[in-house]
Amino acid sequence: MHEYDVDAGGELYAQWDPVIPFADAWLEQRFALRIADDSRLYWSDALMAGRSARGEAWQFSALAHDLRLDIASKLAYLERYSLTPRGRSVASRWAASDAQYLATVLMHHPA
């Protein structure tokens, strides 16, 4: 669990490199962002399907992701997903379809 607290007037700028899970990998990542109403936030994270050039797209075992943003102690955004490509295809229309990249960008500014 990674926790980030941003006090009044503060700023958090986080632009993460994409996660690229290798074949048979298992990953669980959880982020909690707690920011003051008059703070500033830029958050960017991404997931790649795997090392596609090696034929490893969606070949990881499991990936769980949890991202929570609270602004002034109130839930503003919640993103949760769990992928197990071998147990349930991610190629369906309501999952990843033919995409091999997923990303999230969150921004907050008091203005």
Foldseek 3Di string as FASTA:
>chain_A
DAEEEAEAQEEDEEADDEDADAAQAEEEDEYEYEYELAYKYKYKYKYFQHPVVVVGRVRYQKYWYWYWYHYNNHTDDIDIDMDGCVVPNQCDPVHQNPDGMDMDIDIHHND
